[in-house]
Amino acid sequence: MATTDLLTNLKNRNAYEQILSQYNSKLPDSLSCIYADANGLHELNNSQGHAAGDRMLIMFQ
């Protein structure tokens, strides 16, 4: 399974799940997660096409 998003080159959920067990041994005191949501992506894909949605995701990263 791929661990990197081909469009943004960011690690994805598969990468996170593969290294999750290592976090406790390496960082036992603290761990932070940041989640981001690209609001309007579905509507943009529907109205202007997936290429426009891809450009939004690239800018969003």
PDB file of N, CA and C in Angstrom:
ATOM      1  N   MET A   1       0.837  -1.189   0.000  1.00  0.00           N
ATOM      2  CA  MET A   1       0.000   0.000   0.000  1.00  0.00           C
ATOM      3  C   MET A   1       0.882   1.252   0.000  1.00  0.00           C
ATOM      4  N   ALA A   2       0.442   2.239  -0.707  1.00  0.00           N
ATOM      5  CA  ALA A   2       1.186   3.489  -0.777  1.00  0.00           C
ATOM      6  C   ALA A   2       1.141   4.220   0.565  1.00  0.00           C
ATOM      7  N   THR A   3       2.205   4.922   0.876  1.00  0.00           N
ATOM      8  CA  THR A   3       2.264   5.685   2.115  1.00  0.00           C
ATOM      9  C   THR A   3       2.393   7.183   1.859  1.00  0.00           C
ATOM     10  N   THR A   4       2.476   7.564   0.597  1.00  0.00           N
ATOM     11  CA  THR A   4       2.620   8.966   0.233  1.00  0.00           C
ATOM     12  C   THR A   4       1.584   9.328  -0.818  1.00  0.00           C
ATOM     13  N   ASP A   5       0.949  10.467  -0.627  1.00  0.00           N
ATOM     14  CA  ASP A   5      -0.016  10.959  -1.599  1.00  0.00           C
ATOM     15  C   ASP A   5       0.736  11.416  -2.846  1.00  0.00           C
ATOM     16  N   LEU A   6       0.362  10.917  -3.998  1.00  0.00           N
ATOM     17  CA  LEU A   6       1.070  11.227  -5.239  1.00  0.00           C
ATOM     18  C   LEU A   6       0.964  12.699  -5.628  1.00  0.00           C
ATOM     19  N   LEU A   7      -0.146  13.334  -5.313  1.00  0.00           N
ATOM     20  CA  LEU A   7      -0.353  14.728  -5.706  1.00  0.00           C
ATOM     21  C   LEU A   7       0.435  15.686  -4.818  1.00  0.00           C
ATOM     22  N   THR A   8       0.315  15.527  -3.503  1.00  0.00           N
ATOM     23  CA  THR A   8       0.917  16.481  -2.567  1.00  0.00           C
ATOM     24  C   THR A   8       2.268  16.031  -2.029  1.00  0.00           C
ATOM     25  N   ASN A   9       2.596  14.759  -2.193  1.00  0.00           N
ATOM     26  CA  ASN A   9       3.819  14.162  -1.668  1.00  0.00           C
ATOM     27  C   ASN A   9       3.851  14.158  -0.137  1.00  0.00           C
ATOM     28  N   LEU A  10       2.675  14.276   0.490  1.00  0.00           N
ATOM     29  CA  LEU A  10       2.575  14.200   1.945  1.00  0.00           C
ATOM     30  C   LEU A  10       2.295  12.766   2.367  1.00  0.00           C
ATOM     31  N   LYS A  11       2.711  12.418   3.579  1.00  0.00           N
ATOM     32  CA  LYS A  11       2.413  11.082   4.090  1.00  0.00           C
ATOM     33  C   LYS A  11       0.917  10.962   4.329  1.00  0.00           C
ATOM     34  N   ASN A  12       0.391   9.767   4.133  1.00  0.00           N
ATOM     35  CA  ASN A  12      -1.040   9.548   4.278  1.00  0.00           C
ATOM     36  C   ASN A  12      -1.337   8.664   5.490  1.00  0.00           C
ATOM     37  N   ARG A  13      -2.573   8.249   5.607  1.00  0.00           N
ATOM     38  CA  ARG A  13      -3.015   7.436   6.738  1.00  0.00           C
ATOM     39  C   ARG A  13      -2.245   6.120   6.828  1.00  0.00           C
ATOM     40  N   ASN A  14      -1.946   5.500   5.716  1.00  0.00           N
ATOM     41  CA  ASN A  14      -1.192   4.242   5.741  1.00  0.00           C
ATOM     42  C   ASN A  14       0.179   4.439   6.382  1.00  0.00           C
ATOM     43  N   ALA A  15       0.845   5.541   6.076  1.00  0.00           N
ATOM     44  CA  ALA A  15       2.152   5.827   6.676  1.00  0.00           C
ATOM     45  C   ALA A  15       2.012   6.013   8.174  1.00  0.00           C
ATOM     46  N   TYR A  16       0.992   6.743   8.576  1.00  0.00           N
ATOM     47  CA  TYR A  16       0.745   6.977  10.004  1.00  0.00           C
ATOM     48  C   TYR A  16       0.517   5.659  10.737  1.00  0.00           C
ATOM     49  N   GLU A  17      -0.315   4.802  10.194  1.00  0.00           N
ATOM     50  CA  GLU A  17      -0.628   3.532  10.855  1.00  0.00           C
ATOM     51  C   GLU A  17       0.602   2.616  10.939  1.00  0.00           C
ATOM     52  N   GLN A  18       1.490   2.696   9.966  1.00  0.00           N
ATOM     53  CA  GLN A  18       2.694   1.866   9.985  1.00  0.00           C
ATOM     54  C   GLN A  18       3.669   2.269  11.092  1.00  0.00           C
ATOM     55  N   ILE A  19       3.741   3.551  11.402  1.00  0.00           N
ATOM     56  CA  ILE A  19       4.703   3.984  12.416  1.00  0.00           C
ATOM     57  C   ILE A  19       4.067   4.303  13.765  1.00  0.00           C
ATOM     58  N   LEU A  20       2.763   4.127  13.882  1.00  0.00           N
ATOM     59  CA  LEU A  20       2.054   4.451  15.124  1.00  0.00           C
ATOM     60  C   LEU A  20       2.633   3.719  16.331  1.00  0.00           C
ATOM     61  N   SER A  21       2.952   2.459  16.202  1.00  0.00           N
ATOM     62  CA  SER A  21       3.463   1.687  17.332  1.00  0.00           C
ATOM     63  C   SER A  21       4.824   2.191  17.808  1.00  0.00           C
ATOM     64  N   GLN A  22       5.579   2.836  16.945  1.00  0.00           N
ATOM     65  CA  GLN A  22       6.896   3.352  17.311  1.00  0.00           C
ATOM     66  C   GLN A  22       6.823   4.643  18.125  1.00  0.00           C
ATOM     67  N   TYR A  23       5.714   5.353  18.048  1.00  0.00           N
ATOM     68  CA  TYR A  23       5.605   6.633  18.743  1.00  0.00           C
ATOM     69  C   TYR A  23       5.754   6.495  20.255  1.00  0.00           C
ATOM     70  N   ASN A  24       5.135   5.500  20.853  1.00  0.00           N
ATOM     71  CA  ASN A  24       5.195   5.348  22.301  1.00  0.00           C
ATOM     72  C   ASN A  24       6.613   5.137  22.803  1.00  0.00           C
ATOM     73  N   SER A  25       7.426   4.404  22.082  1.00  0.00           N
ATOM     74  CA  SER A  25       8.793   4.157  22.527  1.00  0.00           C
ATOM     75  C   SER A  25       9.714   5.345  22.255  1.00  0.00           C
ATOM     76  N   LYS A  26       9.425   6.110  21.225  1.00  0.00           N
ATOM     77  CA  LYS A  26      10.293   7.235  20.876  1.00  0.00           C
ATOM     78  C   LYS A  26       9.877   8.537  21.559  1.00  0.00           C
ATOM     79  N   LEU A  27       8.602   8.741  21.724  1.00  0.00           N
ATOM     80  CA  LEU A  27       8.084   9.985  22.297  1.00  0.00           C
ATOM     81  C   LEU A  27       7.065   9.673  23.401  1.00  0.00           C
ATOM     82  N   PRO A  28       7.494   9.093  24.503  1.00  0.00           N
ATOM     83  CA  PRO A  28       6.535   8.659  25.515  1.00  0.00           C
ATOM     84  C   PRO A  28       5.821   9.792  26.242  1.00  0.00           C
ATOM     85  N   ASP A  29       6.389  11.003  26.264  1.00  0.00           N
ATOM     86  CA  ASP A  29       5.809  12.083  27.052  1.00  0.00           C
ATOM     87  C   ASP A  29       4.775  12.921  26.314  1.00  0.00           C
ATOM     88  N   SER A  30       4.922  13.054  25.014  1.00  0.00           N
ATOM     89  CA  SER A  30       3.979  13.907  24.303  1.00  0.00           C
ATOM     90  C   SER A  30       3.883  13.517  22.832  1.00  0.00           C
ATOM     91  N   LEU A  31       2.729  13.771  22.298  1.00  0.00           N
ATOM     92  CA  LEU A  31       2.486  13.539  20.880  1.00  0.00           C
ATOM     93  C   LEU A  31       1.375  14.482  20.452  1.00  0.00           C
ATOM     94  N   SER A  32       1.567  15.155  19.359  1.00  0.00           N
ATOM     95  CA  SER A  32       0.554  16.070  18.834  1.00  0.00           C
ATOM     96  C   SER A  32       0.197  15.673  17.419  1.00  0.00           C
ATOM     97  N   CYS A  33      -1.045  15.893  17.078  1.00  0.00           N
ATOM     98  CA  CYS A  33      -1.530  15.631  15.728  1.00  0.00           C
ATOM     99  C   CYS A  33      -2.230  16.884  15.220  1.00  0.00           C
ATOM    100  N   ILE A  34      -2.017  17.207  13.984  1.00  0.00           N
ATOM    101  CA  ILE A  34      -2.696  18.340  13.372  1.00  0.00           C
ATOM    102  C   ILE A  34      -3.496  17.815  12.190  1.00  0.00           C
ATOM    103  N   TYR A  35      -4.771  18.134  12.188  1.00  0.00           N
ATOM    104  CA  TYR A  35      -5.650  17.745  11.089  1.00  0.00           C
ATOM    105  C   TYR A  35      -6.095  19.007  10.365  1.00  0.00           C
ATOM    106  N   ALA A  36      -6.192  18.918   9.086  1.00  0.00           N
ATOM    107  CA  ALA A  36      -6.669  20.035   8.282  1.00  0.00           C
ATOM    108  C   ALA A  36      -7.751  19.532   7.340  1.00  0.00           C
ATOM    109  N   ASP A  37      -8.721  20.382   7.089  1.00  0.00           N
ATOM    110  CA  ASP A  37      -9.813  20.034   6.200  1.00  0.00           C
ATOM    111  C   ASP A  37      -9.910  21.091   5.115  1.00  0.00           C
ATOM    112  N   ALA A  38      -9.963  20.658   3.895  1.00  0.00           N
ATOM    113  CA  ALA A  38     -10.093  21.581   2.775  1.00  0.00           C
ATOM    114  C   ALA A  38     -11.582  21.745   2.460  1.00  0.00           C
ATOM    115  N   ASN A  39     -12.223  22.698   3.116  1.00  0.00           N
ATOM    116  CA  ASN A  39     -13.650  22.935   2.898  1.00  0.00           C
ATOM    117  C   ASN A  39     -13.909  23.355   1.457  1.00  0.00           C
ATOM    118  N   GLY A  40     -14.962  22.808   0.891  1.00  0.00           N
ATOM    119  CA  GLY A  40     -15.365  23.181  -0.453  1.00  0.00           C
ATOM    120  C   GLY A  40     -14.728  22.366  -1.566  1.00  0.00           C
ATOM    121  N   LEU A  41     -13.887  21.389  -1.209  1.00  0.00           N
ATOM    122  CA  LEU A  41     -13.213  20.609  -2.252  1.00  0.00           C
ATOM    123  C   LEU A  41     -14.209  19.845  -3.116  1.00  0.00           C
ATOM    124  N   HIS A  42     -15.183  19.219  -2.506  1.00  0.00           N
ATOM    125  CA  HIS A  42     -16.177  18.445  -3.267  1.00  0.00           C
ATOM    126  C   HIS A  42     -16.920  19.347  -4.253  1.00  0.00           C
ATOM    127  N   GLU A  43     -17.349  20.505  -3.778  1.00  0.00           N
ATOM    128  CA  GLU A  43     -18.086  21.435  -4.633  1.00  0.00           C
ATOM    129  C   GLU A  43     -17.204  21.962  -5.764  1.00  0.00           C
ATOM    130  N   LEU A  44     -15.928  22.236  -5.437  1.00  0.00           N
ATOM    131  CA  LEU A  44     -14.996  22.703  -6.468  1.00  0.00           C
ATOM    132  C   LEU A  44     -14.790  21.637  -7.539  1.00  0.00           C
ATOM    133  N   ASN A  45     -14.610  20.391  -7.122  1.00  0.00           N
ATOM    134  CA  ASN A  45     -14.467  19.300  -8.090  1.00  0.00           C
ATOM    135  C   ASN A  45     -15.697  19.191  -8.982  1.00  0.00           C
ATOM    136  N   ASN A  46     -16.880  19.341  -8.390  1.00  0.00           N
ATOM    137  CA  ASN A  46     -18.119  19.227  -9.157  1.00  0.00           C
ATOM    138  C   ASN A  46     -18.321  20.393 -10.114  1.00  0.00           C
ATOM    139  N   SER A  47     -17.949  21.596  -9.699  1.00  0.00           N
ATOM    140  CA  SER A  47     -18.236  22.764 -10.532  1.00  0.00           C
ATOM    141  C   SER A  47     -17.122  23.080 -11.537  1.00  0.00           C
ATOM    142  N   GLN A  48     -15.853  22.829 -11.164  1.00  0.00           N
ATOM    143  CA  GLN A  48     -14.748  23.231 -12.043  1.00  0.00           C
ATOM    144  C   GLN A  48     -13.851  22.075 -12.467  1.00  0.00           C
ATOM    145  N   GLY A  49     -14.137  20.881 -11.970  1.00  0.00           N
ATOM    146  CA  GLY A  49     -13.373  19.709 -12.374  1.00  0.00           C
ATOM    147  C   GLY A  49     -12.276  19.346 -11.384  1.00  0.00           C
ATOM    148  N   HIS A  50     -11.796  18.127 -11.509  1.00  0.00           N
ATOM    149  CA  HIS A  50     -10.803  17.596 -10.574  1.00  0.00           C
ATOM    150  C   HIS A  50      -9.441  18.285 -10.700  1.00  0.00           C
ATOM    151  N   ALA A  51      -9.127  18.809 -11.866  1.00  0.00           N
ATOM    152  CA  ALA A  51      -7.854  19.535 -12.007  1.00  0.00           C
ATOM    153  C   ALA A  51      -7.849  20.766 -11.104  1.00  0.00           C
ATOM    154  N   ALA A  52      -9.000  21.454 -11.008  1.00  0.00           N
ATOM    155  CA  ALA A  52      -9.105  22.614 -10.115  1.00  0.00           C
ATOM    156  C   ALA A  52      -8.999  22.172  -8.659  1.00  0.00           C
ATOM    157  N   GLY A  53      -9.612  21.043  -8.329  1.00  0.00           N
ATOM    158  CA  GLY A  53      -9.505  20.506  -6.976  1.00  0.00           C
ATOM    159  C   GLY A  53      -8.076  20.120  -6.636  1.00  0.00           C
ATOM    160  N   ASP A  54      -7.364  19.551  -7.591  1.00  0.00           N
ATOM    161  CA  ASP A  54      -5.959  19.199  -7.387  1.00  0.00           C
ATOM    162  C   ASP A  54      -5.120  20.449  -7.128  1.00  0.00           C
ATOM    163  N   ARG A  55      -5.365  21.506  -7.903  1.00  0.00           N
ATOM    164  CA  ARG A  55      -4.621  22.759  -7.691  1.00  0.00           C
ATOM    165  C   ARG A  55      -4.893  23.316  -6.296  1.00  0.00           C
ATOM    166  N   MET A  56      -6.138  23.202  -5.836  1.00  0.00           N
ATOM    167  CA  MET A  56      -6.477  23.675  -4.480  1.00  0.00           C
ATOM    168  C   MET A  56      -5.711  22.879  -3.428  1.00  0.00           C
ATOM    169  N   LEU A  57      -5.656  21.569  -3.584  1.00  0.00           N
ATOM    170  CA  LEU A  57      -4.946  20.734  -2.608  1.00  0.00           C
ATOM    171  C   LEU A  57      -3.464  21.055  -2.589  1.00  0.00           C
ATOM    172  N   ILE A  58      -2.880  21.285  -3.743  1.00  0.00           N
ATOM    173  CA  ILE A  58      -1.457  21.624  -3.810  1.00  0.00           C
ATOM    174  C   ILE A  58      -1.202  22.961  -3.101  1.00  0.00           C
ATOM    175  N   MET A  59      -2.073  23.922  -3.305  1.00  0.00           N
ATOM    176  CA  MET A  59      -1.925  25.219  -2.626  1.00  0.00           C
ATOM    177  C   MET A  59      -2.185  25.092  -1.131  1.00  0.00           C
ATOM    178  N   PHE A  60      -3.063  24.210  -0.748  1.00  0.00           N
ATOM    179  CA  PHE A  60      -3.463  24.030   0.648  1.00  0.00           C
ATOM    180  C   PHE A  60      -2.342  23.449   1.488  1.00  0.00           C
ATOM    181  N   GLN A  61      -1.522  22.616   0.890  1.00  0.00           N
ATOM    182  CA  GLN A  61      -0.470  21.960   1.662  1.00  0.00           C
ATOM    183  C   GLN A  61       0.495  22.974   2.143  1.00  0.00           C
TER     184      GLN A  61
END
